[in-house]
Amino acid sequence: MGDQISIECCITEPSVESFAIDCARDFAPNLYGDMLDTGVRTIRFPLGEVAGWGPRWSLPLGSNKSDTVDKIIRGLDIFAFPLMSTINSDETFYKTLKEDINPFPWHYSNHALRAAQFVYMHLRIGEEEDEAEALLMPFRSLIENSLFNAELGPYLKGWCSVTALKSLDQIG
């Protein structure tokens, strides 16, 4: 036990994350509980995956700890930071939330929270409200499963409601 280390890198934007948590509290309050109080990072990836640490994406914590620390620093410097620096605008963050590609696939996320973040960014960059549901359809079953099989429609309508528009007014 405890002989491996795994590191997860996260990309977040506080107003987007806050909106997603508010949506969960407002529209699915019994589904998430204490998880919401700790902060939920939905755009995340295992550092070991992008750094090529092997099939478990972890490093052994053997006797040479300085070698492990060096590998972590190299992984962050060579792989994670350059990858994360490509998400440098509302548009690239929105695109990252929308797509299902490595190293940020939907299955690494809490799907309901990622969908709420997507809706927020969709509205923030000026897209039409009614387009959001169609763009989320490829992920509908994932989202509904994370809502414990509740239908996406009522939650999506809530996310696109006055709450969303109020949140957007507060940032702009």
Protein backbone atom coordinates (compact mmCIF):
# COMPACT_ATOMS: atom_id res chain seq x y z
CA MET A 1 0.00 0.00 0.00
CA GLY A 2 1.11 3.53 -0.70
CA ASP A 3 4.03 2.61 -2.93
CA GLN A 4 2.88 4.62 -5.97
CA ILE A 5 2.19 8.31 -6.59
CA SER A 6 -0.28 9.62 -9.11
CA ILE A 7 -0.85 13.30 -9.88
CA GLU A 8 -3.91 14.88 -11.41
CA CYS A 9 -3.69 18.30 -13.07
CA CYS A 10 -6.75 20.53 -13.17
CA ILE A 11 -7.79 23.54 -15.17
CA THR A 12 -10.44 25.78 -13.71
CA GLU A 13 -11.90 29.22 -13.92
CA PRO A 14 -13.47 30.28 -10.63
CA SER A 15 -16.66 31.89 -11.98
CA VAL A 16 -17.34 28.89 -14.21
CA GLU A 17 -16.76 26.42 -11.41
CA SER A 18 -18.87 28.46 -9.02
CA PHE A 19 -21.73 28.52 -11.51
CA ALA A 20 -21.58 24.72 -11.93
CA ILE A 21 -21.65 24.20 -8.17
CA ASP A 22 -24.56 26.63 -7.81
CA CYS A 23 -26.45 24.71 -10.52
CA ALA A 24 -25.90 21.45 -8.69
CA ARG A 25 -27.10 22.97 -5.44
CA ASP A 26 -30.13 24.63 -7.08
CA PHE A 27 -31.20 21.90 -9.48
CA ALA A 28 -29.77 18.67 -8.03
CA PRO A 29 -29.22 19.39 -4.32
CA ASN A 30 -29.52 15.81 -3.11
CA LEU A 31 -27.11 14.40 -5.67
CA TYR A 32 -23.79 15.87 -4.63
CA GLY A 33 -23.66 16.62 -0.91
CA ASP A 34 -20.28 17.43 0.61
CA MET A 35 -18.45 17.03 -2.68
CA LEU A 36 -19.58 20.54 -3.63
CA ASP A 37 -17.92 22.10 -0.61
CA THR A 38 -14.46 20.85 -1.58
CA GLY A 39 -14.47 22.30 -5.09
CA VAL A 40 -14.85 20.23 -8.18
CA ARG A 41 -12.39 20.46 -11.02
CA THR A 42 -14.00 19.06 -14.14
CA ILE A 43 -11.24 19.72 -16.65
CA ARG A 44 -8.56 17.41 -15.38
CA PHE A 45 -6.06 14.87 -16.60
CA PRO A 46 -3.56 12.45 -15.09
CA LEU A 47 -0.05 13.90 -15.36
CA GLY A 48 1.30 10.38 -15.82
CA GLU A 49 -0.81 9.90 -18.93
CA VAL A 50 0.59 12.92 -20.78
CA ALA A 51 4.11 12.34 -19.42
CA GLY A 52 4.10 8.67 -20.45
CA TRP A 53 4.71 7.20 -17.01
CA GLY A 54 3.27 3.84 -17.96
CA PRO A 55 -0.02 1.97 -17.92
CA ARG A 56 -1.04 3.00 -14.38
CA TRP A 57 0.00 6.65 -14.91
CA SER A 58 1.81 6.58 -11.60
CA LEU A 59 5.38 6.47 -10.34
CA PRO A 60 6.87 4.14 -7.75
CA LEU A 61 7.86 5.72 -4.44
CA GLY A 62 11.00 3.64 -4.18
CA SER A 63 14.13 4.50 -2.27
CA ASN A 64 15.21 7.20 -4.73
CA LYS A 65 12.66 9.92 -3.95
CA SER A 66 14.69 12.64 -5.69
CA ASP A 67 14.36 10.72 -8.98
CA THR A 68 10.58 10.58 -8.49
CA VAL A 69 10.45 14.32 -7.72
CA ASP A 70 12.56 15.04 -10.84
CA LYS A 71 10.16 13.01 -13.00
CA ILE A 72 7.19 14.91 -11.57
CA ILE A 73 8.85 18.28 -12.22
CA ARG A 74 9.81 17.23 -15.77
CA GLY A 75 6.26 16.00 -16.37
CA LEU A 76 4.82 19.31 -15.25
CA ASP A 77 7.40 21.40 -17.11
CA ILE A 78 7.53 19.47 -20.40
CA PHE A 79 3.95 18.21 -20.69
CA ALA A 80 1.38 19.72 -18.32
CA PHE A 81 2.27 23.42 -18.36
CA PRO A 82 2.54 23.67 -22.17
CA LEU A 83 -0.72 21.75 -22.56
CA MET A 84 -2.53 23.89 -20.01
CA SER A 85 -1.17 27.12 -21.53
CA THR A 86 -3.07 26.39 -24.76
CA ILE A 87 -6.30 27.04 -22.85
CA ASN A 88 -5.78 30.77 -22.65
CA SER A 89 -9.09 32.39 -23.60
CA ASP A 90 -12.83 32.00 -23.11
CA GLU A 91 -13.04 30.43 -26.56
CA THR A 92 -10.37 27.79 -25.94
CA PHE A 93 -11.81 26.98 -22.51
CA TYR A 94 -15.28 26.62 -24.09
CA LYS A 95 -13.88 24.38 -26.83
CA THR A 96 -12.12 22.21 -24.23
CA LEU A 97 -15.34 21.82 -22.25
CA LYS A 98 -17.28 20.93 -25.40
CA GLU A 99 -14.98 18.36 -26.94
CA ASP A 100 -14.35 14.78 -25.92
CA ILE A 101 -10.67 14.49 -26.73
CA ASN A 102 -7.53 13.52 -24.84
CA PRO A 103 -6.23 14.58 -22.49
CA PHE A 104 -9.55 16.12 -21.39
CA PRO A 105 -12.18 13.50 -22.25
CA TRP A 106 -15.63 13.65 -20.73
CA HIS A 107 -15.14 10.38 -18.82
CA TYR A 108 -12.53 12.11 -16.59
CA SER A 109 -15.19 14.63 -15.50
CA ASN A 110 -18.25 14.89 -13.38
CA HIS A 111 -20.54 15.06 -16.38
CA ALA A 112 -23.34 17.14 -14.88
CA LEU A 113 -20.92 19.76 -13.59
CA ARG A 114 -19.02 19.84 -16.87
CA ALA A 115 -22.29 20.31 -18.75
CA ALA A 116 -23.19 23.23 -16.46
CA GLN A 117 -19.76 24.76 -17.05
CA PHE A 118 -20.24 24.27 -20.79
CA VAL A 119 -23.62 26.06 -20.66
CA TYR A 120 -22.08 28.94 -18.72
CA MET A 121 -19.26 29.38 -21.23
CA HIS A 122 -21.68 28.90 -24.13
CA LEU A 123 -23.69 31.89 -22.91
CA ARG A 124 -20.61 33.87 -21.86
CA ILE A 125 -19.08 33.81 -25.34
CA GLY A 126 -22.39 34.93 -26.81
CA GLU A 127 -23.81 31.73 -28.28
CA GLU A 128 -27.55 31.17 -28.52
CA GLU A 129 -29.17 29.54 -25.50
CA ASP A 130 -31.19 27.04 -27.53
CA GLU A 131 -28.05 25.64 -29.21
CA ALA A 132 -26.62 24.37 -25.91
CA GLU A 133 -28.88 21.34 -25.59
CA ALA A 134 -28.12 20.15 -29.13
CA LEU A 135 -24.37 20.47 -28.52
CA LEU A 136 -24.66 18.41 -25.33
CA MET A 137 -26.63 15.57 -26.95
CA PRO A 138 -23.56 13.37 -27.58
CA PHE A 139 -23.01 13.40 -23.81
CA ARG A 140 -26.64 13.13 -22.75
CA SER A 141 -26.43 9.63 -21.27
CA LEU A 142 -23.24 10.48 -19.35
CA ILE A 143 -24.83 13.63 -17.95
CA GLU A 144 -28.07 11.89 -17.04
CA ASN A 145 -26.15 9.06 -15.36
CA SER A 146 -24.27 11.57 -13.23
CA LEU A 147 -27.66 13.07 -12.34
CA PHE A 148 -28.63 9.56 -11.19
CA ASN A 149 -30.73 9.00 -14.33
CA ALA A 150 -32.71 12.21 -14.02
CA GLU A 151 -33.55 13.71 -17.40
CA LEU A 152 -31.21 16.33 -18.77
CA GLY A 153 -33.97 18.66 -19.99
CA PRO A 154 -35.14 20.16 -16.67
CA TYR A 155 -31.57 20.64 -15.49
CA LEU A 156 -30.50 22.23 -18.75
CA LYS A 157 -33.46 24.59 -18.66
CA GLY A 158 -32.47 25.57 -15.13
CA TRP A 159 -28.87 26.14 -16.13
CA CYS A 160 -29.95 28.41 -18.98
CA SER A 161 -32.40 30.29 -16.78
CA VAL A 162 -32.24 33.64 -15.07
CA THR A 163 -29.62 32.16 -12.71
CA ALA A 164 -27.23 31.76 -15.62
CA LEU A 165 -27.94 35.20 -16.96
CA LYS A 166 -27.53 36.76 -13.49
CA SER A 167 -24.17 35.03 -13.11
CA LEU A 168 -23.07 36.35 -16.48
CA ASP A 169 -24.16 39.88 -15.55
CA GLN A 170 -22.00 39.68 -12.43
CA ILE A 171 -18.85 38.96 -14.44
CA GLY A 172 -19.37 41.44 -17.23
